[in-house]
Protein backbone atom coordinates (compact mmCIF):
# COMPACT_ATOMS: atom_id res chain seq x y z
CA MET A 1 -23.96 3.58 -2.49
CA MET A 2 -21.57 4.59 0.04
CA THR A 3 -17.89 4.95 -1.06
CA ALA A 4 -16.14 5.65 2.10
CA ILE A 5 -13.68 2.78 1.99
CA THR A 6 -13.01 3.39 -1.77
CA ASP A 7 -12.36 6.94 -1.29
CA THR A 8 -10.13 7.00 1.82
CA PHE A 9 -8.29 3.98 0.88
CA THR A 10 -7.60 5.35 -2.56
CA GLU A 11 -6.58 8.64 -1.10
CA ASP A 12 -4.09 6.74 1.02
CA HIS A 13 -2.96 4.93 -2.19
CA HIS A 14 -2.28 8.42 -3.51
CA ARG A 15 -0.32 9.30 -0.34
CA CYS A 16 1.80 6.27 -0.67
CA ASP A 17 2.37 6.96 -4.42
CA ARG A 18 3.66 10.38 -3.76
CA LEU A 19 5.98 8.90 -0.90
CA LEU A 20 7.07 6.40 -3.53
CA ALA A 21 7.78 9.30 -5.91
CA ALA A 22 9.66 11.29 -3.28
CA ALA A 23 11.86 8.13 -2.63
CA GLU A 24 12.60 7.83 -6.40
CA ALA A 25 13.62 11.57 -6.61
CA SER A 26 15.73 11.24 -3.47
CA ALA A 27 17.46 8.17 -4.89
CA GLY A 28 18.52 10.18 -7.80
CA GLY A 29 20.59 12.25 -5.58
CA SER A 30 23.59 11.72 -3.29
CA ASP A 31 22.34 12.59 0.18
CA TRP A 32 21.97 9.38 1.90
CA SER A 33 20.42 11.06 4.89
CA ALA A 34 17.44 12.24 2.67
CA ILE A 35 17.29 9.05 0.81
CA GLY A 36 17.06 7.12 4.01
CA ALA A 37 14.29 9.50 5.36
CA ALA A 38 12.38 9.12 2.17
CA ALA A 39 12.60 5.56 2.04
CA GLY A 40 11.79 5.08 5.75
CA ALA A 41 8.56 7.27 5.25
CA LEU A 42 7.42 5.04 2.28
CA VAL A 43 8.12 1.81 4.07
CA THR A 44 6.26 3.02 7.18
CA ALA A 45 3.26 4.20 5.12
CA MET A 46 2.95 1.12 3.12
CA ASP A 47 3.22 -1.13 6.02
CA ARG A 48 0.48 0.81 7.77
CA HIS A 49 -1.76 0.73 4.74
CA PHE A 50 -1.21 -3.14 4.30
CA ALA A 51 -1.81 -3.71 7.93
CA LEU A 52 -5.22 -1.89 7.94
CA GLU A 53 -6.30 -3.93 4.85
CA GLU A 54 -5.16 -7.31 6.27
CA ASP A 55 -6.36 -6.76 9.73
CA VAL A 56 -9.50 -4.75 9.21
CA VAL A 57 -10.87 -4.58 5.78
CA PHE A 58 -9.99 -8.08 4.42
CA PRO A 59 -11.34 -10.01 7.35
CA ALA A 60 -14.52 -8.11 7.77
CA LEU A 61 -15.21 -8.33 4.02
CA ALA A 62 -14.52 -12.20 3.85
CA GLN A 63 -16.71 -12.66 6.80
CA VAL A 64 -19.88 -11.26 4.93
CA PHE A 65 -18.99 -11.80 1.32
CA PHE A 66 -17.38 -15.46 0.86
CA VAL A 67 -16.62 -14.84 -2.95
CA ALA A 68 -14.08 -12.08 -1.78
CA GLU A 69 -11.74 -14.92 -0.35
CA ASN A 70 -9.93 -15.42 -3.62
CA PRO A 71 -9.27 -11.75 -4.55
CA ILE A 72 -8.18 -11.16 -0.87
CA GLU A 73 -5.78 -13.99 -0.97
CA ILE A 74 -4.26 -12.50 -4.14
CA MET A 75 -4.05 -9.03 -2.57
CA CYS A 76 -2.28 -10.59 0.43
CA ASN A 77 0.18 -12.53 -1.89
CA GLU A 78 0.95 -9.16 -3.43
CA HIS A 79 1.51 -7.40 -0.24
CA ALA A 80 3.94 -10.14 0.52
CA GLN A 81 5.90 -9.41 -2.73
CA MET A 82 5.85 -5.70 -1.94
CA ARG A 83 7.01 -6.25 1.72
CA GLN A 84 9.86 -8.15 0.42
CA LEU A 85 10.81 -5.12 -1.99
CA LEU A 86 10.37 -2.76 1.07
CA SER A 87 12.75 -4.82 3.10
CA GLU A 88 15.27 -4.78 0.14
CA ILE A 89 14.89 -0.94 -0.11
CA GLY A 90 16.06 -0.94 3.45
CA GLU A 91 19.05 -3.02 2.72
CA ALA A 92 20.02 -1.07 -0.46
CA VAL A 93 19.88 2.19 1.72
CA ASP A 94 21.94 0.54 4.52
CA ILE A 95 24.85 -0.39 1.97
CA ARG A 96 24.31 2.85 0.01
CA ASP A 97 23.65 0.72 -3.30
CA LYS A 98 22.04 3.44 -5.54
CA ASN A 99 21.57 1.29 -8.52
CA ALA A 100 19.95 -1.53 -6.45
CA LEU A 101 17.70 0.93 -4.63
CA LEU A 102 16.79 2.45 -8.01
CA GLY A 103 15.94 -0.92 -9.49
CA ILE A 104 13.98 -2.03 -6.47
CA LEU A 105 11.84 1.26 -6.44
CA GLU A 106 11.21 0.83 -10.11
CA THR A 107 9.88 -2.74 -9.55
CA LEU A 108 7.82 -1.59 -6.56
CA HIS A 109 6.58 1.19 -8.54
CA PHE A 110 5.19 -1.20 -11.38
CA LEU A 111 3.82 -3.62 -8.75
CA VAL A 112 2.01 -0.82 -6.72
CA GLN A 113 0.17 0.41 -9.89
CA GLN A 114 -1.09 -3.12 -10.69
CA HIS A 115 -2.14 -3.85 -7.37
CA ASN A 116 -3.80 -0.51 -6.57
CA TYR A 117 -5.92 -0.76 -9.83
CA LYS A 118 -7.39 -4.02 -8.61
CA GLU A 119 -8.08 -2.95 -4.98
CA GLU A 120 -9.62 0.49 -6.32
CA GLY A 121 -11.64 -1.30 -9.01
CA ILE A 122 -12.70 -4.41 -7.17
CA ILE A 123 -11.84 -4.84 -3.43
CA TYR A 124 -12.84 -1.45 -2.33
CA PRO A 125 -16.08 -1.14 -3.90
CA MET A 126 -16.94 -4.74 -2.84
CA ALA A 127 -16.14 -3.68 0.65
CA ASP A 128 -18.26 -0.66 0.59
CA GLY A 129 -21.10 -2.79 -0.82
CA ALA A 130 -20.87 -5.63 1.60
CA LEU A 131 -20.05 -3.37 4.95
CA PRO A 132 -22.30 -0.44 4.60
CA GLU A 133 -22.72 -0.28 8.36
CA ARG A 134 -18.94 -0.32 9.07
CA ALA A 135 -17.57 1.46 5.99
CA ALA A 136 -17.41 4.88 7.84
CA ASP A 137 -15.72 3.41 10.84
CA VAL A 138 -13.19 1.32 8.68
CA ALA A 139 -12.48 4.56 6.46
CA ALA A 140 -11.90 6.52 9.72
CA MET A 141 -9.04 4.31 10.66
CA ILE A 142 -6.95 5.04 7.47
CA ALA A 143 -8.04 8.84 7.79
CA ASP A 144 -6.24 9.12 11.13
CA VAL A 145 -2.90 9.09 9.51
């Protein structure tokens, strides 16, 4: 079975994980310019990742595999939770609230781990199986980062 979606979207998860770790490391320091840059890179990467899933992968999967609707809805709800945290990260950086920022990043880290586990174990393999003729094209979209 082709695993193009699983492989490329999982690799993008790893890229976002590295950016999250960099934001956490920056937040431990006192250079708010560096903290803001690390936080901004994280927000941009995660927003792009969510958009590709919600605008490309999920609709294509739901169209050919109706049983995927419930897991997709759960993933989108989790994206909304994480987007709220991403917004809060920006707010904490803006007011230079290190304690709030560290708490938000810790919560985000926890949610991302759980979320990625479900996508990598269920959604992406389901998409690879249901979209064999489109998997390479979908994967190429995320690879263009």
